[in-house]
Amino acid sequence: MSSQQEITTTVYVALNGSRYHKAKDCVGGFGRYNSARALTSSLDEALQDGRTPCEMCFASSSEGPT
């Protein structure tokens, strides 16, 4: 992989949600309502939008996805 290529981490967000999730069916967010409404986003976009990691999805890591 060249230095110009970047690895994009995909996360799931709700349109008006404040958190991002590892899994579309996370019970910490999407499991409470229709997971079909989950949107995919890059981690960078989620962070730029001011979203924070889901406490259930990222319980083992306070820094977000690995």
PDB file of N, CA and C in Angstrom:
ATOM      1  N   MET A   1       0.850  -1.178   0.000  1.00  0.00           N
ATOM      2  CA  MET A   1       0.000   0.000   0.000  1.00  0.00           C
ATOM      3  C   MET A   1       0.893   1.238   0.000  1.00  0.00           C
ATOM      4  N   SER A   2       0.582   2.194  -0.838  1.00  0.00           N
ATOM      5  CA  SER A   2       1.388   3.401  -0.920  1.00  0.00           C
ATOM      6  C   SER A   2       1.045   4.350   0.215  1.00  0.00           C
ATOM      7  N   SER A   3       1.912   5.317   0.446  1.00  0.00           N
ATOM      8  CA  SER A   3       1.684   6.273   1.525  1.00  0.00           C
ATOM      9  C   SER A   3       0.496   7.182   1.234  1.00  0.00           C
ATOM     10  N   GLN A   4       0.061   7.252  -0.026  1.00  0.00           N
ATOM     11  CA  GLN A   4      -1.080   8.093  -0.378  1.00  0.00           C
ATOM     12  C   GLN A   4      -2.413   7.411  -0.105  1.00  0.00           C
ATOM     13  N   GLN A   5      -2.401   6.081   0.023  1.00  0.00           N
ATOM     14  CA  GLN A   5      -3.636   5.358   0.286  1.00  0.00           C
ATOM     15  C   GLN A   5      -3.938   5.393   1.777  1.00  0.00           C
ATOM     16  N   GLU A   6      -5.204   5.471   2.101  1.00  0.00           N
ATOM     17  CA  GLU A   6      -5.623   5.468   3.487  1.00  0.00           C
ATOM     18  C   GLU A   6      -6.588   4.327   3.714  1.00  0.00           C
ATOM     19  N   ILE A   7      -6.557   3.782   4.912  1.00  0.00           N
ATOM     20  CA  ILE A   7      -7.527   2.772   5.285  1.00  0.00           C
ATOM     21  C   ILE A   7      -8.725   3.502   5.872  1.00  0.00           C
ATOM     22  N   THR A   8      -9.901   3.216   5.335  1.00  0.00           N
ATOM     23  CA  THR A   8     -11.113   3.855   5.823  1.00  0.00           C
ATOM     24  C   THR A   8     -11.841   2.893   6.744  1.00  0.00           C
ATOM     25  N   THR A   9     -12.126   3.334   7.948  1.00  0.00           N
ATOM     26  CA  THR A   9     -12.889   2.541   8.896  1.00  0.00           C
ATOM     27  C   THR A   9     -14.347   2.939   8.765  1.00  0.00           C
ATOM     28  N   THR A  10     -15.200   1.955   8.495  1.00  0.00           N
ATOM     29  CA  THR A  10     -16.629   2.214   8.379  1.00  0.00           C
ATOM     30  C   THR A  10     -17.286   2.067   9.735  1.00  0.00           C
ATOM     31  N   VAL A  11     -18.127   3.021  10.077  1.00  0.00           N
ATOM     32  CA  VAL A  11     -18.919   2.976  11.299  1.00  0.00           C
ATOM     33  C   VAL A  11     -20.369   3.230  10.920  1.00  0.00           C
ATOM     34  N   TYR A  12     -21.264   2.996  11.859  1.00  0.00           N
ATOM     35  CA  TYR A  12     -22.694   3.183  11.624  1.00  0.00           C
ATOM     36  C   TYR A  12     -23.197   4.318  12.499  1.00  0.00           C
ATOM     37  N   VAL A  13     -24.051   5.150  11.918  1.00  0.00           N
ATOM     38  CA  VAL A  13     -24.609   6.293  12.637  1.00  0.00           C
ATOM     39  C   VAL A  13     -26.099   6.403  12.341  1.00  0.00           C
ATOM     40  N   ALA A  14     -26.811   7.049  13.241  1.00  0.00           N
ATOM     41  CA  ALA A  14     -28.201   7.403  12.991  1.00  0.00           C
ATOM     42  C   ALA A  14     -28.201   8.833  12.463  1.00  0.00           C
ATOM     43  N   LEU A  15     -29.162   9.164  11.659  1.00  0.00           N
ATOM     44  CA  LEU A  15     -29.203  10.486  11.034  1.00  0.00           C
ATOM     45  C   LEU A  15     -29.045  11.606  12.062  1.00  0.00           C
ATOM     46  N   ASN A  16     -29.759  11.522  13.161  1.00  0.00           N
ATOM     47  CA  ASN A  16     -29.684  12.560  14.189  1.00  0.00           C
ATOM     48  C   ASN A  16     -28.958  12.084  15.439  1.00  0.00           C
ATOM     49  N   GLY A  17     -28.215  10.977  15.326  1.00  0.00           N
ATOM     50  CA  GLY A  17     -27.528  10.415  16.489  1.00  0.00           C
ATOM     51  C   GLY A  17     -26.243  11.142  16.819  1.00  0.00           C
ATOM     52  N   SER A  18     -25.818  11.011  18.061  1.00  0.00           N
ATOM     53  CA  SER A  18     -24.591  11.665  18.501  1.00  0.00           C
ATOM     54  C   SER A  18     -23.431  10.683  18.645  1.00  0.00           C
ATOM     55  N   ARG A  19     -23.698   9.397  18.430  1.00  0.00           N
ATOM     56  CA  ARG A  19     -22.681   8.359  18.597  1.00  0.00           C
ATOM     57  C   ARG A  19     -22.444   7.608  17.291  1.00  0.00           C
ATOM     58  N   TYR A  20     -21.287   6.973  17.195  1.00  0.00           N
ATOM     59  CA  TYR A  20     -21.037   6.061  16.084  1.00  0.00           C
ATOM     60  C   TYR A  20     -20.835   4.666  16.651  1.00  0.00           C
ATOM     61  N   HIS A  21     -21.151   3.663  15.830  1.00  0.00           N
ATOM     62  CA  HIS A  21     -21.192   2.277  16.273  1.00  0.00           C
ATOM     63  C   HIS A  21     -20.340   1.392  15.382  1.00  0.00           C
ATOM     64  N   LYS A  22     -19.818   0.294  15.966  1.00  0.00           N
ATOM     65  CA  LYS A  22     -19.077  -0.715  15.201  1.00  0.00           C
ATOM     66  C   LYS A  22     -20.027  -1.566  14.379  1.00  0.00           C
ATOM     67  N   ALA A  23     -21.181  -1.879  14.969  1.00  0.00           N
ATOM     68  CA  ALA A  23     -22.124  -2.810  14.348  1.00  0.00           C
ATOM     69  C   ALA A  23     -23.468  -2.140  14.101  1.00  0.00           C
ATOM     70  N   LYS A  24     -24.055  -2.461  12.966  1.00  0.00           N
ATOM     71  CA  LYS A  24     -25.358  -1.905  12.605  1.00  0.00           C
ATOM     72  C   LYS A  24     -26.434  -2.310  13.608  1.00  0.00           C
ATOM     73  N   ASP A  25     -26.287  -3.498  14.208  1.00  0.00           N
ATOM     74  CA  ASP A  25     -27.296  -3.999  15.136  1.00  0.00           C
ATOM     75  C   ASP A  25     -26.919  -3.803  16.603  1.00  0.00           C
ATOM     76  N   CYS A  26     -26.109  -2.821  16.902  1.00  0.00           N
ATOM     77  CA  CYS A  26     -25.697  -2.543  18.277  1.00  0.00           C
ATOM     78  C   CYS A  26     -26.918  -2.281  19.151  1.00  0.00           C
ATOM     79  N   VAL A  27     -27.000  -2.964  20.283  1.00  0.00           N
ATOM     80  CA  VAL A  27     -28.134  -2.748  21.190  1.00  0.00           C
ATOM     81  C   VAL A  27     -27.998  -1.435  21.950  1.00  0.00           C
ATOM     82  N   GLY A  28     -26.837  -0.830  21.889  1.00  0.00           N
ATOM     83  CA  GLY A  28     -26.641   0.460  22.526  1.00  0.00           C
ATOM     84  C   GLY A  28     -27.241   1.602  21.720  1.00  0.00           C
ATOM     85  N   GLY A  29     -27.685   1.312  20.538  1.00  0.00           N
ATOM     86  CA  GLY A  29     -28.245   2.371  19.706  1.00  0.00           C
ATOM     87  C   GLY A  29     -29.297   1.848  18.770  1.00  0.00           C
ATOM     88  N   PHE A  30     -28.845   1.212  17.698  1.00  0.00           N
ATOM     89  CA  PHE A  30     -29.758   0.789  16.650  1.00  0.00           C
ATOM     90  C   PHE A  30     -30.683  -0.337  17.081  1.00  0.00           C
ATOM     91  N   GLY A  31     -30.295  -1.135  18.059  1.00  0.00           N
ATOM     92  CA  GLY A  31     -31.133  -2.233  18.507  1.00  0.00           C
ATOM     93  C   GLY A  31     -32.434  -1.762  19.129  1.00  0.00           C
ATOM     94  N   ARG A  32     -32.485  -0.513  19.535  1.00  0.00           N
ATOM     95  CA  ARG A  32     -33.686   0.039  20.159  1.00  0.00           C
ATOM     96  C   ARG A  32     -34.730   0.465  19.139  1.00  0.00           C
ATOM     97  N   TYR A  33     -34.343   0.580  17.906  1.00  0.00           N
ATOM     98  CA  TYR A  33     -35.274   0.964  16.851  1.00  0.00           C
ATOM     99  C   TYR A  33     -34.861   0.295  15.559  1.00  0.00           C
ATOM    100  N   ASN A  34     -35.417   0.644  14.479  1.00  0.00           N
ATOM    101  CA  ASN A  34     -35.201  -0.017  13.194  1.00  0.00           C
ATOM    102  C   ASN A  34     -33.762   0.160  12.704  1.00  0.00           C
ATOM    103  N   SER A  35     -32.981  -0.922  12.738  1.00  0.00           N
ATOM    104  CA  SER A  35     -31.584  -0.829  12.302  1.00  0.00           C
ATOM    105  C   SER A  35     -31.460  -0.567  10.805  1.00  0.00           C
ATOM    106  N   ALA A  36     -32.547  -0.738  10.072  1.00  0.00           N
ATOM    107  CA  ALA A  36     -32.526  -0.431   8.642  1.00  0.00           C
ATOM    108  C   ALA A  36     -32.317   1.062   8.418  1.00  0.00           C
ATOM    109  N   ARG A  37     -32.524   1.863   9.450  1.00  0.00           N
ATOM    110  CA  ARG A  37     -32.322   3.309   9.338  1.00  0.00           C
ATOM    111  C   ARG A  37     -30.879   3.715   9.608  1.00  0.00           C
ATOM    112  N   ALA A  38     -30.024   2.759   9.932  1.00  0.00           N
ATOM    113  CA  ALA A  38     -28.620   3.057  10.195  1.00  0.00           C
ATOM    114  C   ALA A  38     -27.930   3.474   8.900  1.00  0.00           C
ATOM    115  N   LEU A  39     -27.094   4.471   8.995  1.00  0.00           N
ATOM    116  CA  LEU A  39     -26.329   4.962   7.853  1.00  0.00           C
ATOM    117  C   LEU A  39     -24.868   4.577   8.041  1.00  0.00           C
ATOM    118  N   THR A  40     -24.177   4.300   6.955  1.00  0.00           N
ATOM    119  CA  THR A  40     -22.744   4.055   7.065  1.00  0.00           C
ATOM    120  C   THR A  40     -22.009   5.383   6.926  1.00  0.00           C
ATOM    121  N   SER A  41     -20.879   5.453   7.572  1.00  0.00           N
ATOM    122  CA  SER A  41     -20.065   6.653   7.549  1.00  0.00           C
ATOM    123  C   SER A  41     -18.619   6.227   7.742  1.00  0.00           C
ATOM    124  N   SER A  42     -17.707   7.058   7.324  1.00  0.00           N
ATOM    125  CA  SER A  42     -16.314   6.777   7.662  1.00  0.00           C
ATOM    126  C   SER A  42     -16.084   7.297   9.079  1.00  0.00           C
ATOM    127  N   LEU A  43     -15.116   6.724   9.753  1.00  0.00           N
ATOM    128  CA  LEU A  43     -14.789   7.187  11.096  1.00  0.00           C
ATOM    129  C   LEU A  43     -14.423   8.665  11.066  1.00  0.00           C
ATOM    130  N   ASP A  44     -13.650   9.078  10.071  1.00  0.00           N
ATOM    131  CA  ASP A  44     -13.257  10.487   9.963  1.00  0.00           C
ATOM    132  C   ASP A  44     -14.474  11.403   9.861  1.00  0.00           C
ATOM    133  N   GLU A  45     -15.463  11.009   9.041  1.00  0.00           N
ATOM    134  CA  GLU A  45     -16.675  11.823   8.897  1.00  0.00           C
ATOM    135  C   GLU A  45     -17.449  11.885  10.207  1.00  0.00           C
ATOM    136  N   ALA A  46     -17.555  10.745  10.891  1.00  0.00           N
ATOM    137  CA  ALA A  46     -18.277  10.708  12.163  1.00  0.00           C
ATOM    138  C   ALA A  46     -17.622  11.642  13.175  1.00  0.00           C
ATOM    139  N   LEU A  47     -16.300  11.628  13.229  1.00  0.00           N
ATOM    140  CA  LEU A  47     -15.586  12.504  14.159  1.00  0.00           C
ATOM    141  C   LEU A  47     -15.734  13.971  13.769  1.00  0.00           C
ATOM    142  N   GLN A  48     -15.671  14.266  12.466  1.00  0.00           N
ATOM    143  CA  GLN A  48     -15.845  15.641  12.001  1.00  0.00           C
ATOM    144  C   GLN A  48     -17.235  16.168  12.327  1.00  0.00           C
ATOM    145  N   ASP A  49     -18.219  15.260  12.347  1.00  0.00           N
ATOM    146  CA  ASP A  49     -19.592  15.645  12.676  1.00  0.00           C
ATOM    147  C   ASP A  49     -19.808  15.767  14.182  1.00  0.00           C
ATOM    148  N   GLY A  50     -18.769  15.522  14.962  1.00  0.00           N
ATOM    149  CA  GLY A  50     -18.862  15.667  16.410  1.00  0.00           C
ATOM    150  C   GLY A  50     -19.417  14.451  17.134  1.00  0.00           C
ATOM    151  N   ARG A  51     -19.496  13.322  16.438  1.00  0.00           N
ATOM    152  CA  ARG A  51     -20.015  12.107  17.074  1.00  0.00           C
ATOM    153  C   ARG A  51     -18.938  11.482  17.960  1.00  0.00           C
ATOM    154  N   THR A  52     -19.389  10.762  18.976  1.00  0.00           N
ATOM    155  CA  THR A  52     -18.497  10.082  19.902  1.00  0.00           C
ATOM    156  C   THR A  52     -18.753   8.578  19.839  1.00  0.00           C
ATOM    157  N   PRO A  53     -17.784   7.752  20.274  1.00  0.00           N
ATOM    158  CA  PRO A  53     -17.967   6.302  20.183  1.00  0.00           C
ATOM    159  C   PRO A  53     -19.058   5.797  21.122  1.00  0.00           C
ATOM    160  N   CYS A  54     -19.801   4.816  20.663  1.00  0.00           N
ATOM    161  CA  CYS A  54     -20.809   4.155  21.480  1.00  0.00           C
ATOM    162  C   CYS A  54     -20.105   3.471  22.648  1.00  0.00           C
ATOM    163  N   GLU A  55     -20.619   3.660  23.850  1.00  0.00           N
ATOM    164  CA  GLU A  55     -19.996   3.079  25.034  1.00  0.00           C
ATOM    165  C   GLU A  55     -20.076   1.556  25.037  1.00  0.00           C
ATOM    166  N   MET A  56     -21.082   0.984  24.378  1.00  0.00           N
ATOM    167  CA  MET A  56     -21.201  -0.475  24.335  1.00  0.00           C
ATOM    168  C   MET A  56     -20.288  -1.065  23.261  1.00  0.00           C
ATOM    169  N   CYS A  57     -20.286  -0.478  22.079  1.00  0.00           N
ATOM    170  CA  CYS A  57     -19.452  -0.987  20.980  1.00  0.00           C
ATOM    171  C   CYS A  57     -17.964  -0.898  21.300  1.00  0.00           C
ATOM    172  N   PHE A  58     -17.562   0.173  21.941  1.00  0.00           N
ATOM    173  CA  PHE A  58     -16.152   0.449  22.165  1.00  0.00           C
ATOM    174  C   PHE A  58     -15.784   0.370  23.641  1.00  0.00           C
ATOM    175  N   ALA A  59     -16.460  -0.504  24.384  1.00  0.00           N
ATOM    176  CA  ALA A  59     -16.235  -0.638  25.824  1.00  0.00           C
ATOM    177  C   ALA A  59     -14.785  -0.980  26.157  1.00  0.00           C
ATOM    178  N   SER A  60     -14.121  -1.736  25.303  1.00  0.00           N
ATOM    179  CA  SER A  60     -12.744  -2.144  25.577  1.00  0.00           C
ATOM    180  C   SER A  60     -11.719  -1.123  25.097  1.00  0.00           C
ATOM    181  N   SER A  61     -12.170  -0.082  24.404  1.00  0.00           N
ATOM    182  CA  SER A  61     -11.243   0.914  23.869  1.00  0.00           C
ATOM    183  C   SER A  61     -11.847   2.298  23.980  1.00  0.00           C
ATOM    184  N   SER A  62     -11.194   3.174  24.710  1.00  0.00           N
ATOM    185  CA  SER A  62     -11.703   4.537  24.845  1.00  0.00           C
ATOM    186  C   SER A  62     -11.330   5.403  23.652  1.00  0.00           C
ATOM    187  N   GLU A  63     -10.541   4.871  22.730  1.00  0.00           N
ATOM    188  CA  GLU A  63     -10.077   5.656  21.596  1.00  0.00           C
ATOM    189  C   GLU A  63     -10.863   5.418  20.328  1.00  0.00           C
ATOM    190  N   GLY A  64     -11.823   4.519  20.332  1.00  0.00           N
ATOM    191  CA  GLY A  64     -12.590   4.243  19.132  1.00  0.00           C
ATOM    192  C   GLY A  64     -12.123   2.976  18.461  1.00  0.00           C
ATOM    193  N   PRO A  65     -12.431   2.812  17.174  1.00  0.00           N
ATOM    194  CA  PRO A  65     -12.119   1.582  16.453  1.00  0.00           C
ATOM    195  C   PRO A  65     -10.632   1.300  16.400  1.00  0.00           C
ATOM    196  N   THR A  66     -10.302   0.025  16.313  1.00  0.00           N
ATOM    197  CA  THR A  66      -8.897  -0.363  16.186  1.00  0.00           C
ATOM    198  C   THR A  66      -8.600  -0.766  14.772  1.00  0.00           C
TER     199      THR A  66
END
